[in-house]
Structures are given as C-alpha cells and as structure tokens.
Amino acid sequence: MQIIPMRDLKNTVEIERRCAEENGPVYVTKNGYGRLVVMDIDYYERTMRKMYEAQALLEGLADVKAGRMIDGDAAIDGVREKYGI
C-alpha cells in the first residue's frame, strides 16, 4: 500500500508511476490523515466491474429469497410462446 503526503501530488509523473507499480490505490494524506485516493484507470474499472457484479448477485439472491423466480423449463416455454419458436 502506497501512502504519500498531499504535497507530493505536484509530481504527477511520479504519482502515475506509483499507481502503475502498485496496481492498486495510492492513498494521499493531509496533516497525517487520509484525504484522497489516486488509482490507475484500469484498476478503477476492474474494481467498479466487481462492484456491479456483486450488486447483481445480491439482487438475484434477494429475488430468490422473495420467491421472485421461475424454473428454467417454464422460462424457456414462456420465451418460445412469446416469440412463436
């Protein structure tokens, strides 16, 4: 985990290098306290994709728990009937 002081943000080339090397977030502190997080765009996109996938799984589990589901054969029959297949 990389931690840098706020004053080091002036050196953008070094920050970019650290983000690439870390392959994760770089934490920026101000007066010794966490203030910002800087990360490589690829790491950000991977992280967001994982969050969206986790949210979809949680929604699916909530549907199962609430009984909002049908079995596979019924779903296929419904599609066939709807589209005349």
PDB file of N, CA and C in Angstrom:
ATOM      1  N   MET A   1       0.852  -1.171   0.000  1.00  0.00           N
ATOM      2  CA  MET A   1       0.000   0.000   0.000  1.00  0.00           C
ATOM      3  C   MET A   1       0.898   1.235   0.000  1.00  0.00           C
ATOM      4  N   GLN A   2       0.630   2.115  -0.952  1.00  0.00           N
ATOM      5  CA  GLN A   2       1.392   3.360  -1.069  1.00  0.00           C
ATOM      6  C   GLN A   2       0.651   4.477  -0.341  1.00  0.00           C
ATOM      7  N   ILE A   3       1.366   5.223   0.466  1.00  0.00           N
ATOM      8  CA  ILE A   3       0.809   6.390   1.148  1.00  0.00           C
ATOM      9  C   ILE A   3       1.754   7.552   0.889  1.00  0.00           C
ATOM     10  N   ILE A   4       1.193   8.660   0.409  1.00  0.00           N
ATOM     11  CA  ILE A   4       2.008   9.836   0.115  1.00  0.00           C
ATOM     12  C   ILE A   4       1.356  11.078   0.722  1.00  0.00           C
ATOM     13  N   PRO A   5       2.149  12.090   1.035  1.00  0.00           N
ATOM     14  CA  PRO A   5       1.574  13.343   1.529  1.00  0.00           C
ATOM     15  C   PRO A   5       1.003  14.170   0.374  1.00  0.00           C
ATOM     16  N   MET A   6       0.057  15.015   0.674  1.00  0.00           N
ATOM     17  CA  MET A   6      -0.623  15.851  -0.315  1.00  0.00           C
ATOM     18  C   MET A   6       0.366  16.658  -1.149  1.00  0.00           C
ATOM     19  N   ARG A   7       1.427  17.149  -0.544  1.00  0.00           N
ATOM     20  CA  ARG A   7       2.384  17.989  -1.273  1.00  0.00           C
ATOM     21  C   ARG A   7       3.043  17.235  -2.439  1.00  0.00           C
ATOM     22  N   ASP A   8       3.086  15.894  -2.378  1.00  0.00           N
ATOM     23  CA  ASP A   8       3.699  15.107  -3.454  1.00  0.00           C
ATOM     24  C   ASP A   8       2.819  15.018  -4.697  1.00  0.00           C
ATOM     25  N   LEU A   9       1.589  15.492  -4.631  1.00  0.00           N
ATOM     26  CA  LEU A   9       0.711  15.438  -5.801  1.00  0.00           C
ATOM     27  C   LEU A   9       1.206  16.335  -6.937  1.00  0.00           C
ATOM     28  N   LYS A  10       2.101  17.250  -6.639  1.00  0.00           N
ATOM     29  CA  LYS A  10       2.648  18.127  -7.676  1.00  0.00           C
ATOM     30  C   LYS A  10       3.450  17.341  -8.709  1.00  0.00           C
ATOM     31  N   ASN A  11       4.033  16.241  -8.295  1.00  0.00           N
ATOM     32  CA  ASN A  11       4.855  15.424  -9.188  1.00  0.00           C
ATOM     33  C   ASN A  11       3.972  14.356  -9.830  1.00  0.00           C
ATOM     34  N   THR A  12       3.222  14.742 -10.861  1.00  0.00           N
ATOM     35  CA  THR A  12       2.250  13.838 -11.469  1.00  0.00           C
ATOM     36  C   THR A  12       2.886  12.626 -12.129  1.00  0.00           C
ATOM     37  N   VAL A  13       4.086  12.776 -12.672  1.00  0.00           N
ATOM     38  CA  VAL A  13       4.769  11.647 -13.308  1.00  0.00           C
ATOM     39  C   VAL A  13       5.064  10.569 -12.266  1.00  0.00           C
ATOM     40  N   GLU A  14       5.523  10.986 -11.099  1.00  0.00           N
ATOM     41  CA  GLU A  14       5.828  10.039 -10.027  1.00  0.00           C
ATOM     42  C   GLU A  14       4.558   9.367  -9.499  1.00  0.00           C
ATOM     43  N   ILE A  15       3.488  10.121  -9.388  1.00  0.00           N
ATOM     44  CA  ILE A  15       2.213   9.558  -8.918  1.00  0.00           C
ATOM     45  C   ILE A  15       1.725   8.513  -9.914  1.00  0.00           C
ATOM     46  N   GLU A  16       1.802   8.827 -11.192  1.00  0.00           N
ATOM     47  CA  GLU A  16       1.385   7.877 -12.229  1.00  0.00           C
ATOM     48  C   GLU A  16       2.238   6.604 -12.156  1.00  0.00           C
ATOM     49  N   ARG A  17       3.531   6.745 -11.968  1.00  0.00           N
ATOM     50  CA  ARG A  17       4.422   5.588 -11.865  1.00  0.00           C
ATOM     51  C   ARG A  17       4.047   4.734 -10.655  1.00  0.00           C
ATOM     52  N   ARG A  18       3.784   5.366  -9.532  1.00  0.00           N
ATOM     53  CA  ARG A  18       3.421   4.619  -8.323  1.00  0.00           C
ATOM     54  C   ARG A  18       2.100   3.866  -8.510  1.00  0.00           C
ATOM     55  N   CYS A  19       1.143   4.510  -9.137  1.00  0.00           N
ATOM     56  CA  CYS A  19      -0.144   3.847  -9.395  1.00  0.00           C
ATOM     57  C   CYS A  19       0.051   2.617 -10.271  1.00  0.00           C
ATOM     58  N   ALA A  20       0.874   2.745 -11.307  1.00  0.00           N
ATOM     59  CA  ALA A  20       1.120   1.626 -12.213  1.00  0.00           C
ATOM     60  C   ALA A  20       1.853   0.499 -11.495  1.00  0.00           C
ATOM     61  N   GLU A  21       2.845   0.829 -10.692  1.00  0.00           N
ATOM     62  CA  GLU A  21       3.610  -0.188  -9.970  1.00  0.00           C
ATOM     63  C   GLU A  21       2.761  -0.881  -8.906  1.00  0.00           C
ATOM     64  N   GLU A  22       1.975  -0.121  -8.209  1.00  0.00           N
ATOM     65  CA  GLU A  22       1.176  -0.656  -7.106  1.00  0.00           C
ATOM     66  C   GLU A  22       0.041  -1.532  -7.618  1.00  0.00           C
ATOM     67  N   ASN A  23      -0.450  -1.208  -8.824  1.00  0.00           N
ATOM     68  CA  ASN A  23      -1.620  -1.894  -9.381  1.00  0.00           C
ATOM     69  C   ASN A  23      -2.767  -1.866  -8.372  1.00  0.00           C
ATOM     70  N   GLY A  24      -2.898  -0.730  -7.732  1.00  0.00           N
ATOM     71  CA  GLY A  24      -3.918  -0.508  -6.727  1.00  0.00           C
ATOM     72  C   GLY A  24      -3.928   0.953  -6.347  1.00  0.00           C
ATOM     73  N   PRO A  25      -4.677   1.301  -5.340  1.00  0.00           N
ATOM     74  CA  PRO A  25      -4.789   2.709  -4.967  1.00  0.00           C
ATOM     75  C   PRO A  25      -3.540   3.249  -4.262  1.00  0.00           C
ATOM     76  N   VAL A  26      -3.321   4.528  -4.429  1.00  0.00           N
ATOM     77  CA  VAL A  26      -2.289   5.260  -3.699  1.00  0.00           C
ATOM     78  C   VAL A  26      -3.045   6.228  -2.790  1.00  0.00           C
ATOM     79  N   TYR A  27      -2.814   6.132  -1.502  1.00  0.00           N
ATOM     80  CA  TYR A  27      -3.520   6.956  -0.527  1.00  0.00           C
ATOM     81  C   TYR A  27      -2.765   8.256  -0.313  1.00  0.00           C
ATOM     82  N   VAL A  28      -3.509   9.358  -0.315  1.00  0.00           N
ATOM     83  CA  VAL A  28      -2.921  10.679  -0.141  1.00  0.00           C
ATOM     84  C   VAL A  28      -3.373  11.223   1.215  1.00  0.00           C
ATOM     85  N   THR A  29      -2.408  11.684   1.994  1.00  0.00           N
ATOM     86  CA  THR A  29      -2.721  12.204   3.326  1.00  0.00           C
ATOM     87  C   THR A  29      -2.530  13.718   3.384  1.00  0.00           C
ATOM     88  N   LYS A  30      -3.280  14.313   4.285  1.00  0.00           N
ATOM     89  CA  LYS A  30      -3.121  15.740   4.565  1.00  0.00           C
ATOM     90  C   LYS A  30      -3.054  15.873   6.079  1.00  0.00           C
ATOM     91  N   ASN A  31      -1.960  16.432   6.558  1.00  0.00           N
ATOM     92  CA  ASN A  31      -1.728  16.567   8.000  1.00  0.00           C
ATOM     93  C   ASN A  31      -1.823  15.214   8.709  1.00  0.00           C
ATOM     94  N   GLY A  32      -1.358  14.164   8.032  1.00  0.00           N
ATOM     95  CA  GLY A  32      -1.323  12.838   8.642  1.00  0.00           C
ATOM     96  C   GLY A  32      -2.610  12.045   8.570  1.00  0.00           C
ATOM     97  N   TYR A  33      -3.645  12.618   7.979  1.00  0.00           N
ATOM     98  CA  TYR A  33      -4.938  11.931   7.864  1.00  0.00           C
ATOM     99  C   TYR A  33      -5.254  11.628   6.411  1.00  0.00           C
ATOM    100  N   GLY A  34      -5.899  10.492   6.164  1.00  0.00           N
ATOM    101  CA  GLY A  34      -6.292  10.133   4.814  1.00  0.00           C
ATOM    102  C   GLY A  34      -7.219  11.177   4.222  1.00  0.00           C
ATOM    103  N   ARG A  35      -6.937  11.578   2.981  1.00  0.00           N
ATOM    104  CA  ARG A  35      -7.731  12.621   2.345  1.00  0.00           C
ATOM    105  C   ARG A  35      -8.214  12.226   0.958  1.00  0.00           C
ATOM    106  N   LEU A  36      -7.369  11.584   0.165  1.00  0.00           N
ATOM    107  CA  LEU A  36      -7.699  11.231  -1.216  1.00  0.00           C
ATOM    108  C   LEU A  36      -7.167   9.840  -1.543  1.00  0.00           C
ATOM    109  N   VAL A  37      -7.705   9.288  -2.622  1.00  0.00           N
ATOM    110  CA  VAL A  37      -7.184   8.051  -3.176  1.00  0.00           C
ATOM    111  C   VAL A  37      -6.993   8.280  -4.674  1.00  0.00           C
ATOM    112  N   VAL A  38      -5.816   7.927  -5.173  1.00  0.00           N
ATOM    113  CA  VAL A  38      -5.499   8.048  -6.597  1.00  0.00           C
ATOM    114  C   VAL A  38      -5.226   6.646  -7.106  1.00  0.00           C
ATOM    115  N   MET A  39      -5.779   6.324  -8.290  1.00  0.00           N
ATOM    116  CA  MET A  39      -5.548   4.984  -8.826  1.00  0.00           C
ATOM    117  C   MET A  39      -5.505   5.001 -10.348  1.00  0.00           C
ATOM    118  N   ASP A  40      -4.878   3.975 -10.878  1.00  0.00           N
ATOM    119  CA  ASP A  40      -4.808   3.752 -12.312  1.00  0.00           C
ATOM    120  C   ASP A  40      -6.205   3.474 -12.846  1.00  0.00           C
ATOM    121  N   ILE A  41      -6.518   3.939 -14.039  1.00  0.00           N
ATOM    122  CA  ILE A  41      -7.857   3.784 -14.598  1.00  0.00           C
ATOM    123  C   ILE A  41      -8.229   2.307 -14.780  1.00  0.00           C
ATOM    124  N   ASP A  42      -7.274   1.472 -15.142  1.00  0.00           N
ATOM    125  CA  ASP A  42      -7.560   0.036 -15.297  1.00  0.00           C
ATOM    126  C   ASP A  42      -7.967  -0.590 -13.968  1.00  0.00           C
ATOM    127  N   TYR A  43      -7.269  -0.208 -12.903  1.00  0.00           N
ATOM    128  CA  TYR A  43      -7.614  -0.722 -11.573  1.00  0.00           C
ATOM    129  C   TYR A  43      -9.015  -0.241 -11.180  1.00  0.00           C
ATOM    130  N   TYR A  44      -9.296   1.025 -11.444  1.00  0.00           N
ATOM    131  CA  TYR A  44     -10.617   1.585 -11.132  1.00  0.00           C
ATOM    132  C   TYR A  44     -11.720   0.829 -11.872  1.00  0.00           C
ATOM    133  N   GLU A  45     -11.523   0.606 -13.168  1.00  0.00           N
ATOM    134  CA  GLU A  45     -12.544  -0.087 -13.966  1.00  0.00           C
ATOM    135  C   GLU A  45     -12.750  -1.522 -13.483  1.00  0.00           C
ATOM    136  N   ARG A  46     -11.669  -2.229 -13.142  1.00  0.00           N
ATOM    137  CA  ARG A  46     -11.803  -3.592 -12.612  1.00  0.00           C
ATOM    138  C   ARG A  46     -12.571  -3.593 -11.295  1.00  0.00           C
ATOM    139  N   THR A  47     -12.241  -2.634 -10.447  1.00  0.00           N
ATOM    140  CA  THR A  47     -12.909  -2.542  -9.147  1.00  0.00           C
ATOM    141  C   THR A  47     -14.395  -2.246  -9.316  1.00  0.00           C
ATOM    142  N   MET A  48     -14.732  -1.307 -10.196  1.00  0.00           N
ATOM    143  CA  MET A  48     -16.141  -0.963 -10.419  1.00  0.00           C
ATOM    144  C   MET A  48     -16.900  -2.147 -11.022  1.00  0.00           C
ATOM    145  N   ARG A  49     -16.267  -2.884 -11.938  1.00  0.00           N
ATOM    146  CA  ARG A  49     -16.913  -4.055 -12.541  1.00  0.00           C
ATOM    147  C   ARG A  49     -17.233  -5.093 -11.461  1.00  0.00           C
ATOM    148  N   LYS A  50     -16.303  -5.311 -10.550  1.00  0.00           N
ATOM    149  CA  LYS A  50     -16.538  -6.253  -9.449  1.00  0.00           C
ATOM    150  C   LYS A  50     -17.687  -5.790  -8.568  1.00  0.00           C
ATOM    151  N   MET A  51     -17.764  -4.491  -8.325  1.00  0.00           N
ATOM    152  CA  MET A  51     -18.853  -3.958  -7.506  1.00  0.00           C
ATOM    153  C   MET A  51     -20.203  -4.143  -8.182  1.00  0.00           C
ATOM    154  N   TYR A  52     -20.272  -3.878  -9.485  1.00  0.00           N
ATOM    155  CA  TYR A  52     -21.534  -4.074 -10.216  1.00  0.00           C
ATOM    156  C   TYR A  52     -21.939  -5.545 -10.225  1.00  0.00           C
ATOM    157  N   GLU A  53     -20.966  -6.436 -10.406  1.00  0.00           N
ATOM    158  CA  GLU A  53     -21.260  -7.873 -10.389  1.00  0.00           C
ATOM    159  C   GLU A  53     -21.756  -8.314  -9.016  1.00  0.00           C
ATOM    160  N   ALA A  54     -21.127  -7.819  -7.970  1.00  0.00           N
ATOM    161  CA  ALA A  54     -21.556  -8.165  -6.613  1.00  0.00           C
ATOM    162  C   ALA A  54     -22.973  -7.655  -6.352  1.00  0.00           C
ATOM    163  N   GLN A  55     -23.278  -6.450  -6.828  1.00  0.00           N
ATOM    164  CA  GLN A  55     -24.624  -5.891  -6.652  1.00  0.00           C
ATOM    165  C   GLN A  55     -25.656  -6.744  -7.385  1.00  0.00           C
ATOM    166  N   ALA A  56     -25.334  -7.185  -8.600  1.00  0.00           N
ATOM    167  CA  ALA A  56     -26.256  -8.029  -9.361  1.00  0.00           C
ATOM    168  C   ALA A  56     -26.501  -9.354  -8.640  1.00  0.00           C
ATOM    169  N   LEU A  57     -25.454  -9.928  -8.073  1.00  0.00           N
ATOM    170  CA  LEU A  57     -25.607 -11.167  -7.306  1.00  0.00           C
ATOM    171  C   LEU A  57     -26.499 -10.961  -6.079  1.00  0.00           C
ATOM    172  N   LEU A  58     -26.288  -9.857  -5.376  1.00  0.00           N
ATOM    173  CA  LEU A  58     -27.110  -9.569  -4.201  1.00  0.00           C
ATOM    174  C   LEU A  58     -28.582  -9.387  -4.586  1.00  0.00           C
ATOM    175  N   GLU A  59     -28.825  -8.713  -5.711  1.00  0.00           N
ATOM    176  CA  GLU A  59     -30.202  -8.535  -6.180  1.00  0.00           C
ATOM    177  C   GLU A  59     -30.816  -9.876  -6.557  1.00  0.00           C
ATOM    178  N   GLY A  60     -30.047 -10.737  -7.196  1.00  0.00           N
ATOM    179  CA  GLY A  60     -30.533 -12.070  -7.557  1.00  0.00           C
ATOM    180  C   GLY A  60     -30.867 -12.899  -6.324  1.00  0.00           C
ATOM    181  N   LEU A  61     -29.998 -12.838  -5.326  1.00  0.00           N
ATOM    182  CA  LEU A  61     -30.265 -13.564  -4.086  1.00  0.00           C
ATOM    183  C   LEU A  61     -31.513 -13.032  -3.380  1.00  0.00           C
ATOM    184  N   ALA A  62     -31.717 -11.719  -3.445  1.00  0.00           N
ATOM    185  CA  ALA A  62     -32.926 -11.134  -2.850  1.00  0.00           C
ATOM    186  C   ALA A  62     -34.166 -11.618  -3.588  1.00  0.00           C
ATOM    187  N   ASP A  63     -34.081 -11.733  -4.920  1.00  0.00           N
ATOM    188  CA  ASP A  63     -35.213 -12.252  -5.704  1.00  0.00           C
ATOM    189  C   ASP A  63     -35.532 -13.689  -5.308  1.00  0.00           C
ATOM    190  N   VAL A  64     -34.506 -14.508  -5.156  1.00  0.00           N
ATOM    191  CA  VAL A  64     -34.715 -15.902  -4.752  1.00  0.00           C
ATOM    192  C   VAL A  64     -35.378 -15.956  -3.376  1.00  0.00           C
ATOM    193  N   LYS A  65     -34.859 -15.165  -2.464  1.00  0.00           N
ATOM    194  CA  LYS A  65     -35.395 -15.155  -1.104  1.00  0.00           C
ATOM    195  C   LYS A  65     -36.858 -14.706  -1.083  1.00  0.00           C
ATOM    196  N   ALA A  66     -37.214 -13.768  -1.960  1.00  0.00           N
ATOM    197  CA  ALA A  66     -38.578 -13.238  -2.016  1.00  0.00           C
ATOM    198  C   ALA A  66     -39.496 -14.102  -2.886  1.00  0.00           C
ATOM    199  N   GLY A  67     -38.934 -15.128  -3.514  1.00  0.00           N
ATOM    200  CA  GLY A  67     -39.749 -16.011  -4.345  1.00  0.00           C
ATOM    201  C   GLY A  67     -40.043 -15.465  -5.726  1.00  0.00           C
ATOM    202  N   ARG A  68     -39.289 -14.457  -6.161  1.00  0.00           N
ATOM    203  CA  ARG A  68     -39.483 -13.873  -7.492  1.00  0.00           C
ATOM    204  C   ARG A  68     -38.618 -14.615  -8.511  1.00  0.00           C
ATOM    205  N   MET A  69     -39.038 -15.847  -8.818  1.00  0.00           N
ATOM    206  CA  MET A  69     -38.275 -16.648  -9.778  1.00  0.00           C
ATOM    207  C   MET A  69     -39.180 -17.712 -10.377  1.00  0.00           C
ATOM    208  N   ILE A  70     -38.745 -18.236 -11.512  1.00  0.00           N
ATOM    209  CA  ILE A  70     -39.428 -19.372 -12.132  1.00  0.00           C
ATOM    210  C   ILE A  70     -38.357 -20.367 -12.544  1.00  0.00           C
ATOM    211  N   ASP A  71     -38.756 -21.618 -12.711  1.00  0.00           N
ATOM    212  CA  ASP A  71     -37.751 -22.613 -13.083  1.00  0.00           C
ATOM    213  C   ASP A  71     -37.368 -22.451 -14.552  1.00  0.00           C
ATOM    214  N   GLY A  72     -36.263 -23.054 -14.924  1.00  0.00           N
ATOM    215  CA  GLY A  72     -35.714 -22.901 -16.268  1.00  0.00           C
ATOM    216  C   GLY A  72     -36.644 -23.366 -17.367  1.00  0.00           C
ATOM    217  N   ASP A  73     -37.302 -24.508 -17.192  1.00  0.00           N
ATOM    218  CA  ASP A  73     -38.207 -25.014 -18.225  1.00  0.00           C
ATOM    219  C   ASP A  73     -39.364 -24.051 -18.456  1.00  0.00           C
ATOM    220  N   ALA A  74     -39.909 -23.505 -17.385  1.00  0.00           N
ATOM    221  CA  ALA A  74     -41.020 -22.561 -17.526  1.00  0.00           C
ATOM    222  C   ALA A  74     -40.552 -21.294 -18.245  1.00  0.00           C
ATOM    223  N   ALA A  75     -39.339 -20.834 -17.955  1.00  0.00           N
ATOM    224  CA  ALA A  75     -38.812 -19.641 -18.610  1.00  0.00           C
ATOM    225  C   ALA A  75     -38.639 -19.883 -20.103  1.00  0.00           C
ATOM    226  N   ILE A  76     -38.091 -21.034 -20.465  1.00  0.00           N
ATOM    227  CA  ILE A  76     -37.896 -21.361 -21.883  1.00  0.00           C
ATOM    228  C   ILE A  76     -39.238 -21.495 -22.588  1.00  0.00           C
ATOM    229  N   ASP A  77     -40.199 -22.149 -21.947  1.00  0.00           N
ATOM    230  CA  ASP A  77     -41.536 -22.266 -22.539  1.00  0.00           C
ATOM    231  C   ASP A  77     -42.155 -20.892 -22.755  1.00  0.00           C
ATOM    232  N   GLY A  78     -41.981 -19.988 -21.818  1.00  0.00           N
ATOM    233  CA  GLY A  78     -42.511 -18.637 -21.948  1.00  0.00           C
ATOM    234  C   GLY A  78     -41.889 -17.891 -23.114  1.00  0.00           C
ATOM    235  N   VAL A  79     -40.589 -18.023 -23.307  1.00  0.00           N
ATOM    236  CA  VAL A  79     -39.897 -17.376 -24.428  1.00  0.00           C
ATOM    237  C   VAL A  79     -40.390 -17.964 -25.745  1.00  0.00           C
ATOM    238  N   ARG A  80     -40.482 -19.278 -25.796  1.00  0.00           N
ATOM    239  CA  ARG A  80     -40.965 -19.941 -27.028  1.00  0.00           C
ATOM    240  C   ARG A  80     -42.363 -19.484 -27.388  1.00  0.00           C
ATOM    241  N   GLU A  81     -43.221 -19.407 -26.382  1.00  0.00           N
ATOM    242  CA  GLU A  81     -44.608 -18.998 -26.620  1.00  0.00           C
ATOM    243  C   GLU A  81     -44.655 -17.532 -27.081  1.00  0.00           C
ATOM    244  N   LYS A  82     -43.880 -16.695 -26.439  1.00  0.00           N
ATOM    245  CA  LYS A  82     -43.887 -15.262 -26.759  1.00  0.00           C
ATOM    246  C   LYS A  82     -43.403 -14.997 -28.171  1.00  0.00           C
ATOM    247  N   TYR A  83     -42.387 -15.723 -28.610  1.00  0.00           N
ATOM    248  CA  TYR A  83     -41.790 -15.469 -29.912  1.00  0.00           C
ATOM    249  C   TYR A  83     -42.163 -16.496 -30.976  1.00  0.00           C
ATOM    250  N   GLY A  84     -43.067 -17.412 -30.640  1.00  0.00           N
ATOM    251  CA  GLY A  84     -43.543 -18.397 -31.603  1.00  0.00           C
ATOM    252  C   GLY A  84     -42.450 -19.322 -32.109  1.00  0.00           C
ATOM    253  N   ILE A  85     -41.597 -19.732 -31.231  1.00  0.00           N
ATOM    254  CA  ILE A  85     -40.476 -20.611 -31.626  1.00  0.00           C
ATOM    255  C   ILE A  85     -40.881 -22.056 -31.432  1.00  0.00           C
TER     256      ILE A  85
END
